Amino acid sequence: FIVNKRRRPQLKEFIKVIQQEHYSYKDPIVE
């Protein structure tokens, strides 16, 4: 998602996934 500018609209949905998984998984890129 970071390197692909054409998929920015789908990034919002992915951010929701990151928020859901924030307590069980952390990584520098996801953070």
PDB file of all heavy atoms in Angstrom:
ATOM      1  N   PHE A   1       0.826  -1.213   0.000  1.00  0.00           N
ATOM      2  CA  PHE A   1       0.000   0.000   0.000  1.00  0.00           C
ATOM      3  C   PHE A   1       0.857   1.258   0.000  1.00  0.00           C
ATOM      4  O   PHE A   1       0.513   2.251  -0.639  1.00  0.00           O
ATOM      5  CB  PHE A   1      -0.942   0.026   1.212  1.00  0.00           C
ATOM      6  CG  PHE A   1      -2.234  -0.688   0.974  1.00  0.00           C
ATOM      7  CD1 PHE A   1      -2.567  -1.817   1.699  1.00  0.00           C
ATOM      8  CD2 PHE A   1      -3.144  -0.224   0.039  1.00  0.00           C
ATOM      9  CE1 PHE A   1      -3.768  -2.474   1.491  1.00  0.00           C
ATOM     10  CE2 PHE A   1      -4.347  -0.872  -0.181  1.00  0.00           C
ATOM     11  CZ  PHE A   1      -4.657  -2.001   0.547  1.00  0.00           C
ATOM     12  N   ILE A   2       1.971   1.237   0.712  1.00  0.00           N
ATOM     13  CA  ILE A   2       2.834   2.417   0.786  1.00  0.00           C
ATOM     14  C   ILE A   2       3.432   2.738  -0.588  1.00  0.00           C
ATOM     15  O   ILE A   2       3.480   3.899  -0.996  1.00  0.00           O
ATOM     16  CB  ILE A   2       3.949   2.214   1.833  1.00  0.00           C
ATOM     17  CG1 ILE A   2       3.345   2.221   3.236  1.00  0.00           C
ATOM     18  CG2 ILE A   2       5.027   3.288   1.714  1.00  0.00           C
ATOM     19  CD1 ILE A   2       4.300   1.772   4.325  1.00  0.00           C
ATOM     20  N   VAL A   3       3.888   1.723  -1.321  1.00  0.00           N
ATOM     21  CA  VAL A   3       4.562   1.969  -2.600  1.00  0.00           C
ATOM     22  C   VAL A   3       3.604   2.049  -3.789  1.00  0.00           C
ATOM     23  O   VAL A   3       4.028   2.388  -4.886  1.00  0.00           O
ATOM     24  CB  VAL A   3       5.651   0.904  -2.883  1.00  0.00           C
ATOM     25  CG1 VAL A   3       6.712   0.938  -1.812  1.00  0.00           C
ATOM     26  CG2 VAL A   3       5.060  -0.476  -3.029  1.00  0.00           C
ATOM     27  N   ASN A   4       2.332   1.755  -3.589  1.00  0.00           N
ATOM     28  CA  ASN A   4       1.383   1.744  -4.697  1.00  0.00           C
ATOM     29  C   ASN A   4       0.397   2.895  -4.542  1.00  0.00           C
ATOM     30  O   ASN A   4      -0.523   2.839  -3.730  1.00  0.00           O
ATOM     31  CB  ASN A   4       0.641   0.400  -4.734  1.00  0.00           C
ATOM     32  CG  ASN A   4      -0.100   0.203  -6.020  1.00  0.00           C
ATOM     33  OD1 ASN A   4      -0.509   1.149  -6.665  1.00  0.00           O
ATOM     34  ND2 ASN A   4      -0.286  -1.045  -6.382  1.00  0.00           N
ATOM     35  N   LYS A   5       0.570   3.924  -5.343  1.00  0.00           N
ATOM     36  CA  LYS A   5      -0.280   5.111  -5.238  1.00  0.00           C
ATOM     37  C   LYS A   5      -1.680   4.881  -5.800  1.00  0.00           C
ATOM     38  O   LYS A   5      -2.629   5.544  -5.399  1.00  0.00           O
ATOM     39  CB  LYS A   5       0.379   6.275  -5.972  1.00  0.00           C
ATOM     40  CG  LYS A   5       1.644   6.744  -5.330  1.00  0.00           C
ATOM     41  CD  LYS A   5       2.273   7.866  -6.124  1.00  0.00           C
ATOM     42  CE  LYS A   5       3.592   8.267  -5.488  1.00  0.00           C
ATOM     43  NZ  LYS A   5       4.300   9.275  -6.259  1.00  0.00           N
ATOM     44  N   ARG A   6      -1.814   3.933  -6.723  1.00  0.00           N
ATOM     45  CA  ARG A   6      -3.110   3.712  -7.375  1.00  0.00           C
ATOM     46  C   ARG A   6      -4.128   3.049  -6.452  1.00  0.00           C
ATOM     47  O   ARG A   6      -5.311   3.076  -6.719  1.00  0.00           O
ATOM     48  CB  ARG A   6      -2.942   2.860  -8.626  1.00  0.00           C
ATOM     49  CG  ARG A   6      -2.259   3.608  -9.757  1.00  0.00           C
ATOM     50  CD  ARG A   6      -2.117   2.725 -10.946  1.00  0.00           C
ATOM     51  NE  ARG A   6      -0.938   1.874 -10.712  1.00  0.00           N
ATOM     52  CZ  ARG A   6      -0.657   0.786 -11.375  1.00  0.00           C
ATOM     53  NH1 ARG A   6      -1.455   0.366 -12.315  1.00  0.00           N
ATOM     54  NH2 ARG A   6       0.420   0.101 -11.119  1.00  0.00           N
ATOM     55  N   ARG A   7      -3.691   2.456  -5.369  1.00  0.00           N
ATOM     56  CA  ARG A   7      -4.599   1.735  -4.475  1.00  0.00           C
ATOM     57  C   ARG A   7      -4.896   2.492  -3.190  1.00  0.00           C
ATOM     58  O   ARG A   7      -5.255   1.909  -2.193  1.00  0.00           O
ATOM     59  CB  ARG A   7      -4.009   0.357  -4.143  1.00  0.00           C
ATOM     60  CG  ARG A   7      -3.893  -0.541  -5.349  1.00  0.00           C
ATOM     61  CD  ARG A   7      -5.269  -0.729  -5.967  1.00  0.00           C
ATOM     62  NE  ARG A   7      -5.206  -1.459  -7.195  1.00  0.00           N
ATOM     63  CZ  ARG A   7      -5.732  -2.656  -7.364  1.00  0.00           C
ATOM     64  NH1 ARG A   7      -6.360  -3.247  -6.387  1.00  0.00           N
ATOM     65  NH2 ARG A   7      -5.641  -3.258  -8.527  1.00  0.00           N
ATOM     66  N   ARG A   8      -4.770   3.794  -3.195  1.00  0.00           N
ATOM     67  CA  ARG A   8      -5.033   4.590  -2.000  1.00  0.00           C
ATOM     68  C   ARG A   8      -6.470   4.447  -1.482  1.00  0.00           C
ATOM     69  O   ARG A   8      -6.669   4.433  -0.280  1.00  0.00           O
ATOM     70  CB  ARG A   8      -4.725   6.062  -2.243  1.00  0.00           C
ATOM     71  CG  ARG A   8      -3.270   6.348  -2.498  1.00  0.00           C
ATOM     72  CD  ARG A   8      -2.443   6.225  -1.240  1.00  0.00           C
ATOM     73  NE  ARG A   8      -1.095   6.701  -1.525  1.00  0.00           N
ATOM     74  CZ  ARG A   8      -0.009   6.068  -1.172  1.00  0.00           C
ATOM     75  NH1 ARG A   8      -0.079   4.955  -0.512  1.00  0.00           N
ATOM     76  NH2 ARG A   8       1.174   6.553  -1.468  1.00  0.00           N
ATOM     77  N   PRO A   9      -7.507   4.343  -2.351  1.00  0.00           N
ATOM     78  CA  PRO A   9      -8.861   4.183  -1.809  1.00  0.00           C
ATOM     79  C   PRO A   9      -9.028   2.919  -0.947  1.00  0.00           C
ATOM     80  O   PRO A   9      -9.776   2.928   0.037  1.00  0.00           O
ATOM     81  CB  PRO A   9      -9.750   4.109  -3.057  1.00  0.00           C
ATOM     82  CG  PRO A   9      -8.972   4.810  -4.113  1.00  0.00           C
ATOM     83  CD  PRO A   9      -7.534   4.535  -3.809  1.00  0.00           C
ATOM     84  N   GLN A  10      -8.341   1.849  -1.274  1.00  0.00           N
ATOM     85  CA  GLN A  10      -8.432   0.629  -0.489  1.00  0.00           C
ATOM     86  C   GLN A  10      -7.639   0.723   0.803  1.00  0.00           C
ATOM     87  O   GLN A  10      -7.819  -0.089   1.705  1.00  0.00           O
ATOM     88  CB  GLN A  10      -7.926  -0.565  -1.301  1.00  0.00           C
ATOM     89  CG  GLN A  10      -8.816  -0.919  -2.467  1.00  0.00           C
ATOM     90  CD  GLN A  10      -8.195  -2.025  -3.300  1.00  0.00           C
ATOM     91  OE1 GLN A  10      -6.993  -2.034  -3.527  1.00  0.00           O
ATOM     92  NE2 GLN A  10      -9.029  -2.948  -3.751  1.00  0.00           N
ATOM     93  N   LEU A  11      -6.792   1.708   0.901  1.00  0.00           N
ATOM     94  CA  LEU A  11      -5.965   1.870   2.092  1.00  0.00           C
ATOM     95  C   LEU A  11      -6.815   2.125   3.328  1.00  0.00           C
ATOM     96  O   LEU A  11      -6.494   1.643   4.418  1.00  0.00           O
ATOM     97  CB  LEU A  11      -4.964   3.013   1.883  1.00  0.00           C
ATOM     98  CG  LEU A  11      -4.011   3.322   3.015  1.00  0.00           C
ATOM     99  CD1 LEU A  11      -3.130   2.114   3.319  1.00  0.00           C
ATOM    100  CD2 LEU A  11      -3.158   4.530   2.670  1.00  0.00           C
ATOM    101  N   LYS A  12      -7.918   2.849   3.172  1.00  0.00           N
ATOM    102  CA  LYS A  12      -8.790   3.141   4.321  1.00  0.00           C
ATOM    103  C   LYS A  12      -9.341   1.857   4.938  1.00  0.00           C
ATOM    104  O   LYS A  12      -9.423   1.728   6.161  1.00  0.00           O
ATOM    105  CB  LYS A  12      -9.930   4.066   3.898  1.00  0.00           C
ATOM    106  CG  LYS A  12      -9.466   5.458   3.551  1.00  0.00           C
ATOM    107  CD  LYS A  12     -10.609   6.328   3.106  1.00  0.00           C
ATOM    108  CE  LYS A  12     -10.076   7.692   2.686  1.00  0.00           C
ATOM    109  NZ  LYS A  12     -11.147   8.568   2.210  1.00  0.00           N
ATOM    110  N   GLU A  13      -9.709   0.898   4.091  1.00  0.00           N
ATOM    111  CA  GLU A  13     -10.196  -0.387   4.596  1.00  0.00           C
ATOM    112  C   GLU A  13      -9.078  -1.140   5.321  1.00  0.00           C
ATOM    113  O   GLU A  13      -9.308  -1.777   6.343  1.00  0.00           O
ATOM    114  CB  GLU A  13     -10.737  -1.238   3.445  1.00  0.00           C
ATOM    115  CG  GLU A  13     -11.951  -0.659   2.772  1.00  0.00           C
ATOM    116  CD  GLU A  13     -12.322  -1.438   1.520  1.00  0.00           C
ATOM    117  OE1 GLU A  13     -11.918  -2.614   1.401  1.00  0.00           O
ATOM    118  OE2 GLU A  13     -13.012  -0.856   0.673  1.00  0.00           O
ATOM    119  N   PHE A  14      -7.867  -1.046   4.782  1.00  0.00           N
ATOM    120  CA  PHE A  14      -6.728  -1.716   5.402  1.00  0.00           C
ATOM    121  C   PHE A  14      -6.390  -1.087   6.753  1.00  0.00           C
ATOM    122  O   PHE A  14      -5.994  -1.786   7.685  1.00  0.00           O
ATOM    123  CB  PHE A  14      -5.516  -1.687   4.469  1.00  0.00           C
ATOM    124  CG  PHE A  14      -4.319  -2.369   5.038  1.00  0.00           C
ATOM    125  CD1 PHE A  14      -4.334  -3.735   5.292  1.00  0.00           C
ATOM    126  CD2 PHE A  14      -3.175  -1.661   5.343  1.00  0.00           C
ATOM    127  CE1 PHE A  14      -3.236  -4.379   5.830  1.00  0.00           C
ATOM    128  CE2 PHE A  14      -2.063  -2.294   5.876  1.00  0.00           C
ATOM    129  CZ  PHE A  14      -2.090  -3.662   6.122  1.00  0.00           C
ATOM    130  N   ILE A  15      -6.566   0.202   6.870  1.00  0.00           N
ATOM    131  CA  ILE A  15      -6.308   0.876   8.145  1.00  0.00           C
ATOM    132  C   ILE A  15      -7.250   0.334   9.219  1.00  0.00           C
ATOM    133  O   ILE A  15      -6.856   0.152  10.372  1.00  0.00           O
ATOM    134  CB  ILE A  15      -6.451   2.409   7.986  1.00  0.00           C
ATOM    135  CG1 ILE A  15      -5.407   2.949   7.016  1.00  0.00           C
ATOM    136  CG2 ILE A  15      -6.369   3.106   9.330  1.00  0.00           C
ATOM    137  CD1 ILE A  15      -3.972   2.705   7.403  1.00  0.00           C
ATOM    138  N   LYS A  16      -8.473   0.013   8.849  1.00  0.00           N
ATOM    139  CA  LYS A  16      -9.415  -0.589   9.806  1.00  0.00           C
ATOM    140  C   LYS A  16      -8.903  -1.945  10.282  1.00  0.00           C
ATOM    141  O   LYS A  16      -9.033  -2.291  11.460  1.00  0.00           O
ATOM    142  CB  LYS A  16     -10.800  -0.735   9.176  1.00  0.00           C
ATOM    143  CG  LYS A  16     -11.492   0.578   8.916  1.00  0.00           C
ATOM    144  CD  LYS A  16     -12.819   0.374   8.226  1.00  0.00           C
ATOM    145  CE  LYS A  16     -13.432   1.710   7.844  1.00  0.00           C
ATOM    146  NZ  LYS A  16     -14.662   1.543   7.050  1.00  0.00           N
ATOM    147  N   VAL A  17      -8.325  -2.717   9.371  1.00  0.00           N
ATOM    148  CA  VAL A  17      -7.748  -4.008   9.734  1.00  0.00           C
ATOM    149  C   VAL A  17      -6.576  -3.807  10.693  1.00  0.00           C
ATOM    150  O   VAL A  17      -6.438  -4.526  11.686  1.00  0.00           O
ATOM    151  CB  VAL A  17      -7.306  -4.799   8.479  1.00  0.00           C
ATOM    152  CG1 VAL A  17      -6.543  -6.054   8.859  1.00  0.00           C
ATOM    153  CG2 VAL A  17      -8.505  -5.131   7.613  1.00  0.00           C
ATOM    154  N   ILE A  18      -5.752  -2.818  10.410  1.00  0.00           N
ATOM    155  CA  ILE A  18      -4.624  -2.526  11.298  1.00  0.00           C
ATOM    156  C   ILE A  18      -5.122  -2.167  12.694  1.00  0.00           C
ATOM    157  O   ILE A  18      -4.569  -2.615  13.699  1.00  0.00           O
ATOM    158  CB  ILE A  18      -3.757  -1.378  10.716  1.00  0.00           C
ATOM    159  CG1 ILE A  18      -3.006  -1.862   9.488  1.00  0.00           C
ATOM    160  CG2 ILE A  18      -2.782  -0.839  11.759  1.00  0.00           C
ATOM    161  CD1 ILE A  18      -2.214  -0.770   8.792  1.00  0.00           C
ATOM    162  N   GLN A  19      -6.186  -1.389  12.760  1.00  0.00           N
ATOM    163  CA  GLN A  19      -6.742  -1.019  14.056  1.00  0.00           C
ATOM    164  C   GLN A  19      -7.272  -2.246  14.798  1.00  0.00           C
ATOM    165  O   GLN A  19      -7.111  -2.353  16.015  1.00  0.00           O
ATOM    166  CB  GLN A  19      -7.861   0.009  13.883  1.00  0.00           C
ATOM    167  CG  GLN A  19      -7.349   1.377  13.515  1.00  0.00           C
ATOM    168  CD  GLN A  19      -8.485   2.347  13.273  1.00  0.00           C
ATOM    169  OE1 GLN A  19      -9.351   2.104  12.442  1.00  0.00           O
ATOM    170  NE2 GLN A  19      -8.471   3.453  14.004  1.00  0.00           N
ATOM    171  N   GLN A  20      -7.891  -3.168  14.081  1.00  0.00           N
ATOM    172  CA  GLN A  20      -8.401  -4.386  14.712  1.00  0.00           C
ATOM    173  C   GLN A  20      -7.267  -5.255  15.240  1.00  0.00           C
ATOM    174  O   GLN A  20      -7.376  -5.849  16.303  1.00  0.00           O
ATOM    175  CB  GLN A  20      -9.221  -5.210  13.716  1.00  0.00           C
ATOM    176  CG  GLN A  20     -10.536  -4.602  13.338  1.00  0.00           C
ATOM    177  CD  GLN A  20     -11.205  -5.387  12.218  1.00  0.00           C
ATOM    178  OE1 GLN A  20     -10.603  -6.251  11.599  1.00  0.00           O
ATOM    179  NE2 GLN A  20     -12.458  -5.053  11.947  1.00  0.00           N
ATOM    180  N   GLU A  21      -6.182  -5.330  14.500  1.00  0.00           N
ATOM    181  CA  GLU A  21      -5.073  -6.202  14.859  1.00  0.00           C
ATOM    182  C   GLU A  21      -4.006  -5.507  15.705  1.00  0.00           C
ATOM    183  O   GLU A  21      -3.014  -6.128  16.066  1.00  0.00           O
ATOM    184  CB  GLU A  21      -4.411  -6.759  13.583  1.00  0.00           C
ATOM    185  CG  GLU A  21      -5.318  -7.625  12.752  1.00  0.00           C
ATOM    186  CD  GLU A  21      -5.794  -8.854  13.506  1.00  0.00           C
ATOM    187  OE1 GLU A  21      -4.974  -9.498  14.186  1.00  0.00           O
ATOM    188  OE2 GLU A  21      -6.986  -9.162  13.419  1.00  0.00           O
ATOM    189  N   HIS A  22      -4.221  -4.258  16.039  1.00  0.00           N
ATOM    190  CA  HIS A  22      -3.218  -3.473  16.758  1.00  0.00           C
ATOM    191  C   HIS A  22      -2.806  -4.116  18.084  1.00  0.00           C
ATOM    192  O   HIS A  22      -1.649  -4.040  18.478  1.00  0.00           O
ATOM    193  CB  HIS A  22      -3.749  -2.057  16.995  1.00  0.00           C
ATOM    194  CG  HIS A  22      -2.788  -1.156  17.682  1.00  0.00           C
ATOM    195  ND1 HIS A  22      -1.653  -0.688  17.075  1.00  0.00           N
ATOM    196  CD2 HIS A  22      -2.779  -0.644  18.942  1.00  0.00           C
ATOM    197  CE1 HIS A  22      -0.982   0.072  17.917  1.00  0.00           C
ATOM    198  NE2 HIS A  22      -1.643   0.122  19.063  1.00  0.00           N
ATOM    199  N   TYR A  23      -3.728  -4.763  18.760  1.00  0.00           N
ATOM    200  CA  TYR A  23      -3.427  -5.333  20.074  1.00  0.00           C
ATOM    201  C   TYR A  23      -2.737  -6.693  19.988  1.00  0.00           C
ATOM    202  O   TYR A  23      -2.066  -7.097  20.913  1.00  0.00           O
ATOM    203  CB  TYR A  23      -4.711  -5.442  20.896  1.00  0.00           C
ATOM    204  CG  TYR A  23      -5.329  -4.099  21.135  1.00  0.00           C
ATOM    205  CD1 TYR A  23      -6.433  -3.673  20.406  1.00  0.00           C
ATOM    206  CD2 TYR A  23      -4.774  -3.220  22.059  1.00  0.00           C
ATOM    207  CE1 TYR A  23      -6.983  -2.429  20.610  1.00  0.00           C
ATOM    208  CE2 TYR A  23      -5.304  -1.965  22.266  1.00  0.00           C
ATOM    209  CZ  TYR A  23      -6.416  -1.571  21.542  1.00  0.00           C
ATOM    210  OH  TYR A  23      -6.945  -0.333  21.737  1.00  0.00           O
ATOM    211  N   SER A  24      -2.889  -7.380  18.869  1.00  0.00           N
ATOM    212  CA  SER A  24      -2.286  -8.709  18.747  1.00  0.00           C
ATOM    213  C   SER A  24      -1.024  -8.738  17.882  1.00  0.00           C
ATOM    214  O   SER A  24      -0.246  -9.671  17.965  1.00  0.00           O
ATOM    215  CB  SER A  24      -3.304  -9.698  18.180  1.00  0.00           C
ATOM    216  OG  SER A  24      -3.676  -9.319  16.877  1.00  0.00           O
ATOM    217  N   TYR A  25      -0.821  -7.703  17.059  1.00  0.00           N
ATOM    218  CA  TYR A  25       0.353  -7.712  16.177  1.00  0.00           C
ATOM    219  C   TYR A  25       0.890  -6.304  15.993  1.00  0.00           C
ATOM    220  O   TYR A  25       0.137  -5.378  15.678  1.00  0.00           O
ATOM    221  CB  TYR A  25       0.006  -8.295  14.807  1.00  0.00           C
ATOM    222  CG  TYR A  25       1.179  -8.282  13.861  1.00  0.00           C
ATOM    223  CD1 TYR A  25       2.220  -9.188  14.020  1.00  0.00           C
ATOM    224  CD2 TYR A  25       1.280  -7.342  12.857  1.00  0.00           C
ATOM    225  CE1 TYR A  25       3.324  -9.160  13.182  1.00  0.00           C
ATOM    226  CE2 TYR A  25       2.370  -7.307  12.019  1.00  0.00           C
ATOM    227  CZ  TYR A  25       3.389  -8.221  12.181  1.00  0.00           C
ATOM    228  OH  TYR A  25       4.480  -8.190  11.360  1.00  0.00           O
ATOM    229  N   LYS A  26       2.188  -6.151  16.184  1.00  0.00           N
ATOM    230  CA  LYS A  26       2.850  -4.862  15.959  1.00  0.00           C
ATOM    231  C   LYS A  26       4.112  -5.091  15.144  1.00  0.00           C
ATOM    232  O   LYS A  26       4.816  -6.081  15.328  1.00  0.00           O
ATOM    233  CB  LYS A  26       3.198  -4.202  17.283  1.00  0.00           C
ATOM    234  CG  LYS A  26       1.981  -3.738  18.039  1.00  0.00           C
ATOM    235  CD  LYS A  26       2.348  -2.973  19.270  1.00  0.00           C
ATOM    236  CE  LYS A  26       1.059  -2.565  19.966  1.00  0.00           C
ATOM    237  NZ  LYS A  26       1.291  -1.756  21.137  1.00  0.00           N
ATOM    238  N   ASP A  27       4.365  -4.158  14.277  1.00  0.00           N
ATOM    239  CA  ASP A  27       5.482  -4.248  13.340  1.00  0.00           C
ATOM    240  C   ASP A  27       5.837  -2.806  12.961  1.00  0.00           C
ATOM    241  O   ASP A  27       4.946  -1.957  12.927  1.00  0.00           O
ATOM    242  CB  ASP A  27       4.967  -5.056  12.137  1.00  0.00           C
ATOM    243  CG  ASP A  27       5.892  -5.023  10.970  1.00  0.00           C
ATOM    244  OD1 ASP A  27       6.777  -5.878  10.905  1.00  0.00           O
ATOM    245  OD2 ASP A  27       5.714  -4.148  10.112  1.00  0.00           O
ATOM    246  N   PRO A  28       7.086  -2.470  12.690  1.00  0.00           N
ATOM    247  CA  PRO A  28       7.431  -1.079  12.370  1.00  0.00           C
ATOM    248  C   PRO A  28       6.662  -0.499  11.172  1.00  0.00           C
ATOM    249  O   PRO A  28       6.252   0.657  11.204  1.00  0.00           O
ATOM    250  CB  PRO A  28       8.932  -1.136  12.075  1.00  0.00           C
ATOM    251  CG  PRO A  28       9.419  -2.311  12.831  1.00  0.00           C
ATOM    252  CD  PRO A  28       8.281  -3.301  12.812  1.00  0.00           C
ATOM    253  N   ILE A  29       6.462  -1.296  10.141  1.00  0.00           N
ATOM    254  CA  ILE A  29       5.763  -0.792   8.949  1.00  0.00           C
ATOM    255  C   ILE A  29       4.283  -0.580   9.249  1.00  0.00           C
ATOM    256  O   ILE A  29       3.704   0.454   8.899  1.00  0.00           O
ATOM    257  CB  ILE A  29       5.950  -1.759   7.761  1.00  0.00           C
ATOM    258  CG1 ILE A  29       7.433  -1.829   7.394  1.00  0.00           C
ATOM    259  CG2 ILE A  29       5.130  -1.311   6.558  1.00  0.00           C
ATOM    260  CD1 ILE A  29       7.781  -2.891   6.398  1.00  0.00           C
ATOM    261  N   VAL A  30       3.677  -1.532   9.930  1.00  0.00           N
ATOM    262  CA  VAL A  30       2.261  -1.413  10.299  1.00  0.00           C
ATOM    263  C   VAL A  30       2.084  -0.266  11.291  1.00  0.00           C
ATOM    264  O   VAL A  30       1.116   0.500  11.202  1.00  0.00           O
ATOM    265  CB  VAL A  30       1.748  -2.757  10.865  1.00  0.00           C
ATOM    266  CG1 VAL A  30       0.355  -2.623  11.403  1.00  0.00           C
ATOM    267  CG2 VAL A  30       1.808  -3.838   9.790  1.00  0.00           C
ATOM    268  N   GLU A  31       3.018  -0.126  12.227  1.00  0.00           N
ATOM    269  CA  GLU A  31       2.971   0.974  13.191  1.00  0.00           C
ATOM    270  C   GLU A  31       3.080   2.320  12.484  1.00  0.00           C
ATOM    271  O   GLU A  31       2.426   3.286  12.870  1.00  0.00           O
ATOM    272  CB  GLU A  31       4.100   0.833  14.209  1.00  0.00           C
ATOM    273  CG  GLU A  31       3.869  -0.233  15.246  1.00  0.00           C
ATOM    274  CD  GLU A  31       2.758   0.130  16.200  1.00  0.00           C
ATOM    275  OE1 GLU A  31       2.733   1.279  16.712  1.00  0.00           O
ATOM    276  OE2 GLU A  31       1.890  -0.719  16.405  1.00  0.00           O
TER     277      GLU A  31
END
